[in-house]
C-alpha cells in the first residue's frame, strides 16, 4: 500500500508524528497514513521499511527530510532568479537600443537646410572631414541621385545615397523616405565604414561605376 513508500526512512513511534514530520517538511500527506491509525499499526508497517534495519532518531530523520526539501526549494528559487535576471537584462538591452536610436534620430533632425548644407555640417561635426572630402561626396552623390531625397532606381536603390534597398536607412531614422538628414546620416556612416572617406568612395565609384 502507499503507506509503505510514503513513510520510508521515517522512524517515529506514532502515525500522527509521521504526519507532523511530513507536513513540517512541506510534503503532501493526503491519504498517506489512511491505514495507520495506532502506534501498533505503525510499528507493523515500519518493520517492512529500511528504517527498521537502519533506525535513526526521529529528530535526525526530520532534519534530513527538511534538508532534502530545502535543497530542492533552493534549486527552484535559483532557477527562477536566473530567469528573472535574464528577462531584465533583455529588457534593459532593448531599452538601451531604443534610447540609442532615439538619440541618433534626434541628432539627425538637428540639422537643417538644403541637403548639401546638411552634408557639409554633418560630415565636419561627426567625422572631421574637410572641404576636399565634401567635394568628393558632392561628385559621388550628384552622380548617384542628384541629391534628390526621393530618387528611386528600378533596382530598389533609394534616396540621396542610393541605399540598396532603401529600407536600410531605417537604422538612421523611421523617416528615411523623406528626411534628407536621415538619409545623409546613413550615407555618411556607410561611406565611413566601407571606404573610410568620401574620396575613397568616389574613387571606388569611378573604377566600378558603383560604390
C-alpha atoms as a PDB file:
ATOM      1  CA  UNK A   1       0.000   0.000   0.000  1.00  0.00           C
ATOM      2  CA  UNK A   2       1.011   3.633  -0.349  1.00  0.00           C
ATOM      3  CA  UNK A   3       1.835   3.892   3.360  1.00  0.00           C
ATOM      4  CA  UNK A   4       4.987   1.848   2.830  1.00  0.00           C
ATOM      5  CA  UNK A   5       6.566   4.210   0.320  1.00  0.00           C
ATOM      6  CA  UNK A   6       5.197   7.346   1.961  1.00  0.00           C
ATOM      7  CA  UNK A   7       6.812   6.701   5.355  1.00  0.00           C
ATOM      8  CA  UNK A   8      10.051   5.193   4.028  1.00  0.00           C
ATOM      9  CA  UNK A   9      13.016   6.335   6.120  1.00  0.00           C
ATOM     10  CA  UNK A  10      10.902   7.961   8.883  1.00  0.00           C
ATOM     11  CA  UNK A  11      11.238   6.015  12.125  1.00  0.00           C
ATOM     12  CA  UNK A  12       8.787   7.655  14.517  1.00  0.00           C
ATOM     13  CA  UNK A  13       6.619   5.826  17.053  1.00  0.00           C
ATOM     14  CA  UNK A  14       3.181   7.084  16.028  1.00  0.00           C
ATOM     15  CA  UNK A  15       1.336   7.696  12.789  1.00  0.00           C
ATOM     16  CA  UNK A  16       0.428  11.190  13.982  1.00  0.00           C
ATOM     17  CA  UNK A  17       4.083  12.058  14.484  1.00  0.00           C
ATOM     18  CA  UNK A  18       4.919  10.860  10.958  1.00  0.00           C
ATOM     19  CA  UNK A  19       2.240  13.113   9.516  1.00  0.00           C
ATOM     20  CA  UNK A  20       3.623  16.014  11.504  1.00  0.00           C
ATOM     21  CA  UNK A  21       7.128  15.408  10.163  1.00  0.00           C
ATOM     22  CA  UNK A  22       5.892  15.193   6.602  1.00  0.00           C
ATOM     23  CA  UNK A  23       3.874  18.398   6.920  1.00  0.00           C
ATOM     24  CA  UNK A  24       6.830  20.191   8.514  1.00  0.00           C
ATOM     25  CA  UNK A  25       8.957  19.105   5.566  1.00  0.00           C
ATOM     26  CA  UNK A  26       6.457  20.551   3.112  1.00  0.00           C
ATOM     27  CA  UNK A  27       5.266  17.156   1.841  1.00  0.00           C
ATOM     28  CA  UNK A  28       1.780  16.201   0.671  1.00  0.00           C
ATOM     29  CA  UNK A  29       0.413  13.726   3.213  1.00  0.00           C
ATOM     30  CA  UNK A  30      -3.146  13.376   1.886  1.00  0.00           C
ATOM     31  CA  UNK A  31      -4.042   9.714   2.258  1.00  0.00           C
ATOM     32  CA  UNK A  32      -0.517   8.713   3.304  1.00  0.00           C
ATOM     33  CA  UNK A  33      -1.459   7.368   6.729  1.00  0.00           C
ATOM     34  CA  UNK A  34      -5.043   6.352   5.998  1.00  0.00           C
ATOM     35  CA  UNK A  35      -4.378   2.757   7.131  1.00  0.00           C
ATOM     36  CA  UNK A  36      -2.076   3.584  10.059  1.00  0.00           C
ATOM     37  CA  UNK A  37      -4.256   4.605  12.962  1.00  0.00           C
ATOM     38  CA  UNK A  38      -2.370   3.404  16.061  1.00  0.00           C
ATOM     39  CA  UNK A  39       1.192   3.106  17.227  1.00  0.00           C
ATOM     40  CA  UNK A  40       0.902  -0.693  16.893  1.00  0.00           C
ATOM     41  CA  UNK A  41      -0.208  -0.338  13.263  1.00  0.00           C
ATOM     42  CA  UNK A  42       2.695   1.984  12.588  1.00  0.00           C
ATOM     43  CA  UNK A  43       5.155  -0.426  14.198  1.00  0.00           C
ATOM     44  CA  UNK A  44       3.976  -3.228  11.910  1.00  0.00           C
ATOM     45  CA  UNK A  45       4.406  -1.078   8.813  1.00  0.00           C
ATOM     46  CA  UNK A  46       7.747   0.345   9.950  1.00  0.00           C
ATOM     47  CA  UNK A  47       9.198  -3.183  10.203  1.00  0.00           C
ATOM     48  CA  UNK A  48       8.837  -3.523   6.430  1.00  0.00           C
ATOM     49  CA  UNK A  49      10.808  -0.325   5.655  1.00  0.00           C
ATOM     50  CA  UNK A  50      14.560   0.341   5.560  1.00  0.00           C
ATOM     51  CA  UNK A  51      14.107   2.358   8.737  1.00  0.00           C
ATOM     52  CA  UNK A  52      13.768  -0.908  10.687  1.00  0.00           C
ATOM     53  CA  UNK A  53      17.163  -2.180   9.559  1.00  0.00           C
ATOM     54  CA  UNK A  54      18.886   1.203   9.933  1.00  0.00           C
ATOM     55  CA  UNK A  55      16.968   3.007  12.678  1.00  0.00           C
ATOM     56  CA  UNK A  56      17.687   6.686  13.255  1.00  0.00           C
ATOM     57  CA  UNK A  57      16.483   9.122  15.896  1.00  0.00           C
ATOM     58  CA  UNK A  58      13.298  10.879  14.929  1.00  0.00           C
ATOM     59  CA  UNK A  59      14.867  14.325  15.059  1.00  0.00           C
ATOM     60  CA  UNK A  60      17.637  13.246  12.638  1.00  0.00           C
ATOM     61  CA  UNK A  61      15.092  11.940  10.172  1.00  0.00           C
ATOM     62  CA  UNK A  62      13.220  15.228  10.354  1.00  0.00           C
ATOM     63  CA  UNK A  63      16.424  17.210   9.757  1.00  0.00           C
ATOM     64  CA  UNK A  64      17.370  15.033   6.814  1.00  0.00           C
ATOM     65  CA  UNK A  65      13.894  15.374   5.335  1.00  0.00           C
ATOM     66  CA  UNK A  66      13.937  19.111   5.764  1.00  0.00           C
ATOM     67  CA  UNK A  67      17.388  19.310   4.155  1.00  0.00           C
ATOM     68  CA  UNK A  68      16.178  17.431   1.095  1.00  0.00           C
ATOM     69  CA  UNK A  69      13.156  19.681   0.769  1.00  0.00           C
ATOM     70  CA  UNK A  70      15.220  22.850   1.324  1.00  0.00           C
ATOM     71  CA  UNK A  71      17.775  21.760  -1.286  1.00  0.00           C
ATOM     72  CA  UNK A  72      15.016  21.212  -3.848  1.00  0.00           C
ATOM     73  CA  UNK A  73      13.479  24.584  -2.981  1.00  0.00           C
ATOM     74  CA  UNK A  74      16.828  26.373  -3.309  1.00  0.00           C
ATOM     75  CA  UNK A  75      17.260  24.923  -6.797  1.00  0.00           C
ATOM     76  CA  UNK A  76      13.798  26.173  -7.780  1.00  0.00           C
ATOM     77  CA  UNK A  77      14.472  29.647  -6.371  1.00  0.00           C
ATOM     78  CA  UNK A  78      17.872  29.828  -8.109  1.00  0.00           C
ATOM     79  CA  UNK A  79      16.349  28.802 -11.456  1.00  0.00           C
ATOM     80  CA  UNK A  80      13.604  31.404 -11.093  1.00  0.00           C
ATOM     81  CA  UNK A  81      16.106  34.103 -10.133  1.00  0.00           C
ATOM     82  CA  UNK A  82      18.236  33.251 -13.174  1.00  0.00           C
ATOM     83  CA  UNK A  83      15.185  33.525 -15.438  1.00  0.00           C
ATOM     84  CA  UNK A  84      14.234  36.892 -13.936  1.00  0.00           C
ATOM     85  CA  UNK A  85      17.784  38.235 -14.353  1.00  0.00           C
ATOM     86  CA  UNK A  86      17.819  37.112 -17.995  1.00  0.00           C
ATOM     87  CA  UNK A  87      14.467  38.777 -18.702  1.00  0.00           C
ATOM     88  CA  UNK A  88      15.572  42.005 -17.014  1.00  0.00           C
ATOM     89  CA  UNK A  89      18.853  42.030 -18.965  1.00  0.00           C
ATOM     90  CA  UNK A  90      16.937  41.571 -22.239  1.00  0.00           C
ATOM     91  CA  UNK A  91      14.579  44.433 -21.366  1.00  0.00           C
ATOM     92  CA  UNK A  92      17.488  46.671 -20.379  1.00  0.00           C
ATOM     93  CA  UNK A  93      19.287  45.908 -23.665  1.00  0.00           C
ATOM     94  CA  UNK A  94      16.126  46.663 -25.652  1.00  0.00           C
ATOM     95  CA  UNK A  95      15.656  49.937 -23.782  1.00  0.00           C
ATOM     96  CA  UNK A  96      19.282  50.892 -24.417  1.00  0.00           C
ATOM     97  CA  UNK A  97      18.906  50.200 -28.141  1.00  0.00           C
ATOM     98  CA  UNK A  98      15.705  52.249 -28.279  1.00  0.00           C
ATOM     99  CA  UNK A  99      17.379  55.124 -26.436  1.00  0.00           C
ATOM    100  CA  UNK A 100      20.374  54.978 -28.763  1.00  0.00           C
ATOM    101  CA  UNK A 101      18.150  55.026 -31.854  1.00  0.00           C
ATOM    102  CA  UNK A 102      16.098  57.882 -30.437  1.00  0.00           C
ATOM    103  CA  UNK A 103      19.260  59.857 -29.711  1.00  0.00           C
ATOM    104  CA  UNK A 104      20.514  59.170 -33.222  1.00  0.00           C
ATOM    105  CA  UNK A 105      17.253  60.386 -34.740  1.00  0.00           C
ATOM    106  CA  UNK A 106      17.271  63.447 -32.516  1.00  0.00           C
ATOM    107  CA  UNK A 107      20.825  64.290 -33.572  1.00  0.00           C
ATOM    108  CA  UNK A 108      19.958  63.751 -37.221  1.00  0.00           C
ATOM    109  CA  UNK A 109      16.971  66.078 -37.075  1.00  0.00           C
ATOM    110  CA  UNK A 110      19.037  68.852 -35.517  1.00  0.00           C
ATOM    111  CA  UNK A 111      20.481  69.533 -38.977  1.00  0.00           C
ATOM    112  CA  UNK A 112      18.505  71.738 -41.324  1.00  0.00           C
ATOM    113  CA  UNK A 113      18.849  73.408 -44.703  1.00  0.00           C
ATOM    114  CA  UNK A 114      19.345  72.086 -48.198  1.00  0.00           C
ATOM    115  CA  UNK A 115      20.878  68.583 -48.500  1.00  0.00           C
ATOM    116  CA  UNK A 116      24.361  69.835 -49.432  1.00  0.00           C
ATOM    117  CA  UNK A 117      24.479  72.195 -46.434  1.00  0.00           C
ATOM    118  CA  UNK A 118      23.323  69.405 -44.149  1.00  0.00           C
ATOM    119  CA  UNK A 119      26.016  67.104 -45.523  1.00  0.00           C
ATOM    120  CA  UNK A 120      28.756  69.738 -45.082  1.00  0.00           C
ATOM    121  CA  UNK A 121      27.798  70.344 -41.467  1.00  0.00           C
ATOM    122  CA  UNK A 122      27.247  66.703 -40.560  1.00  0.00           C
ATOM    123  CA  UNK A 123      30.430  65.328 -42.114  1.00  0.00           C
ATOM    124  CA  UNK A 124      32.508  68.016 -40.416  1.00  0.00           C
ATOM    125  CA  UNK A 125      30.984  67.638 -36.950  1.00  0.00           C
ATOM    126  CA  UNK A 126      30.791  63.841 -36.962  1.00  0.00           C
ATOM    127  CA  UNK A 127      33.861  62.786 -38.926  1.00  0.00           C
ATOM    128  CA  UNK A 128      36.090  65.845 -39.170  1.00  0.00           C
ATOM    129  CA  UNK A 129      36.089  65.725 -42.983  1.00  0.00           C
ATOM    130  CA  UNK A 130      37.157  68.895 -44.755  1.00  0.00           C
ATOM    131  CA  UNK A 131      36.090  70.721 -47.910  1.00  0.00           C
ATOM    132  CA  UNK A 132      38.167  68.392 -50.070  1.00  0.00           C
ATOM    133  CA  UNK A 133      36.200  65.406 -48.799  1.00  0.00           C
ATOM    134  CA  UNK A 134      32.934  67.259 -49.404  1.00  0.00           C
ATOM    135  CA  UNK A 135      33.979  67.841 -52.984  1.00  0.00           C
ATOM    136  CA  UNK A 136      34.323  64.068 -53.445  1.00  0.00           C
ATOM    137  CA  UNK A 137      30.989  63.454 -51.722  1.00  0.00           C
ATOM    138  CA  UNK A 138      29.311  66.075 -53.879  1.00  0.00           C
ATOM    139  CA  UNK A 139      30.611  64.418 -57.042  1.00  0.00           C
ATOM    140  CA  UNK A 140      29.541  60.984 -55.791  1.00  0.00           C
ATOM    141  CA  UNK A 141      26.000  61.785 -54.755  1.00  0.00           C
ATOM    142  CA  UNK A 142      25.440  64.138 -57.657  1.00  0.00           C
ATOM    143  CA  UNK A 143      26.097  61.155 -59.934  1.00  0.00           C
ATOM    144  CA  UNK A 144      24.059  58.768 -57.800  1.00  0.00           C
ATOM    145  CA  UNK A 145      20.918  60.810 -57.155  1.00  0.00           C
ATOM    146  CA  UNK A 146      21.436  64.478 -57.961  1.00  0.00           C
ATOM    147  CA  UNK A 147      20.927  64.970 -54.184  1.00  0.00           C
ATOM    148  CA  UNK A 148      17.245  64.125 -54.672  1.00  0.00           C
ATOM    149  CA  UNK A 149      15.757  62.775 -51.441  1.00  0.00           C
ATOM    150  CA  UNK A 150      13.146  60.803 -53.399  1.00  0.00           C
ATOM    151  CA  UNK A 151      15.429  59.484 -56.142  1.00  0.00           C
ATOM    152  CA  UNK A 152      14.394  55.913 -56.900  1.00  0.00           C
ATOM    153  CA  UNK A 153      16.096  53.291 -59.048  1.00  0.00           C
ATOM    154  CA  UNK A 154      14.409  50.197 -60.540  1.00  0.00           C
ATOM    155  CA  UNK A 155      16.997  48.120 -58.682  1.00  0.00           C
ATOM    156  CA  UNK A 156      15.461  49.247 -55.397  1.00  0.00           C
ATOM    157  CA  UNK A 157      18.117  51.847 -54.543  1.00  0.00           C
ATOM    158  CA  UNK A 158      16.613  54.944 -52.967  1.00  0.00           C
ATOM    159  CA  UNK A 159      17.355  58.426 -51.717  1.00  0.00           C
ATOM    160  CA  UNK A 160      20.373  60.698 -51.803  1.00  0.00           C
ATOM    161  CA  UNK A 161      22.955  57.971 -51.084  1.00  0.00           C
ATOM    162  CA  UNK A 162      21.036  55.391 -53.165  1.00  0.00           C
ATOM    163  CA  UNK A 163      20.871  52.830 -50.378  1.00  0.00           C
ATOM    164  CA  UNK A 164      20.030  49.377 -51.715  1.00  0.00           C
ATOM    165  CA  UNK A 165      17.431  48.593 -50.599  1.00  0.00           C
ATOM    166  CA  UNK A 166      16.264  51.963 -49.379  1.00  0.00           C
ATOM    167  CA  UNK A 167      14.880  50.460 -46.170  1.00  0.00           C
ATOM    168  CA  UNK A 168      18.443  50.044 -44.905  1.00  0.00           C
ATOM    169  CA  UNK A 169      18.288  53.709 -43.984  1.00  0.00           C
ATOM    170  CA  UNK A 170      15.657  52.950 -41.338  1.00  0.00           C
ATOM    171  CA  UNK A 171      18.558  52.289 -38.954  1.00  0.00           C
ATOM    172  CA  UNK A 172      19.186  56.033 -39.021  1.00  0.00           C
ATOM    173  CA  UNK A 173      15.531  57.009 -38.587  1.00  0.00           C
ATOM    174  CA  UNK A 174      11.977  55.960 -39.287  1.00  0.00           C
ATOM    175  CA  UNK A 175      11.566  58.947 -41.612  1.00  0.00           C
ATOM    176  CA  UNK A 176      14.231  57.701 -44.035  1.00  0.00           C
ATOM    177  CA  UNK A 177      11.941  58.033 -47.067  1.00  0.00           C
ATOM    178  CA  UNK A 178      11.523  61.807 -46.789  1.00  0.00           C
ATOM    179  CA  UNK A 179      14.124  63.285 -44.442  1.00  0.00           C
ATOM    180  CA  UNK A 180      17.410  64.306 -46.129  1.00  0.00           C
ATOM    181  CA  UNK A 181      19.166  64.451 -42.745  1.00  0.00           C
ATOM    182  CA  UNK A 182      18.307  60.821 -42.040  1.00  0.00           C
ATOM    183  CA  UNK A 183      19.462  59.724 -45.484  1.00  0.00           C
ATOM    184  CA  UNK A 184      22.693  61.703 -45.257  1.00  0.00           C
ATOM    185  CA  UNK A 185      23.420  60.359 -41.766  1.00  0.00           C
ATOM    186  CA  UNK A 186      23.063  56.815 -43.057  1.00  0.00           C
ATOM    187  CA  UNK A 187      25.047  57.561 -46.225  1.00  0.00           C
ATOM    188  CA  UNK A 188      27.987  59.104 -44.382  1.00  0.00           C
ATOM    189  CA  UNK A 189      28.067  56.182 -41.949  1.00  0.00           C
ATOM    190  CA  UNK A 190      28.099  53.756 -44.883  1.00  0.00           C
ATOM    191  CA  UNK A 191      30.911  55.656 -46.615  1.00  0.00           C
ATOM    192  CA  UNK A 192      32.949  55.735 -43.399  1.00  0.00           C
ATOM    193  CA  UNK A 193      32.556  52.024 -42.620  1.00  0.00           C
ATOM    194  CA  UNK A 194      33.059  50.832 -46.216  1.00  0.00           C
ATOM    195  CA  UNK A 195      35.567  53.204 -47.797  1.00  0.00           C
ATOM    196  CA  UNK A 196      36.959  55.277 -44.946  1.00  0.00           C
ATOM    197  CA  UNK A 197      36.309  58.651 -46.592  1.00  0.00           C
ATOM    198  CA  UNK A 198      34.122  60.208 -49.291  1.00  0.00           C
ATOM    199  CA  UNK A 199      37.150  60.436 -51.574  1.00  0.00           C
ATOM    200  CA  UNK A 200      37.708  56.720 -51.084  1.00  0.00           C
ATOM    201  CA  UNK A 201      34.095  56.064 -52.062  1.00  0.00           C
ATOM    202  CA  UNK A 202      34.332  58.397 -55.073  1.00  0.00           C
ATOM    203  CA  UNK A 203      37.480  56.623 -56.252  1.00  0.00           C
ATOM    204  CA  UNK A 204      35.716  53.262 -55.997  1.00  0.00           C
ATOM    205  CA  UNK A 205      32.741  54.631 -57.934  1.00  0.00           C
ATOM    206  CA  UNK A 206      34.988  55.892 -60.715  1.00  0.00           C
ATOM    207  CA  UNK A 207      36.589  52.485 -61.139  1.00  0.00           C
ATOM    208  CA  UNK A 208      33.491  50.307 -60.704  1.00  0.00           C
ATOM    209  CA  UNK A 209      30.582  52.528 -61.601  1.00  0.00           C
ATOM    210  CA  UNK A 210      29.017  51.990 -58.163  1.00  0.00           C
ATOM    211  CA  UNK A 211      30.054  52.216 -54.536  1.00  0.00           C
END
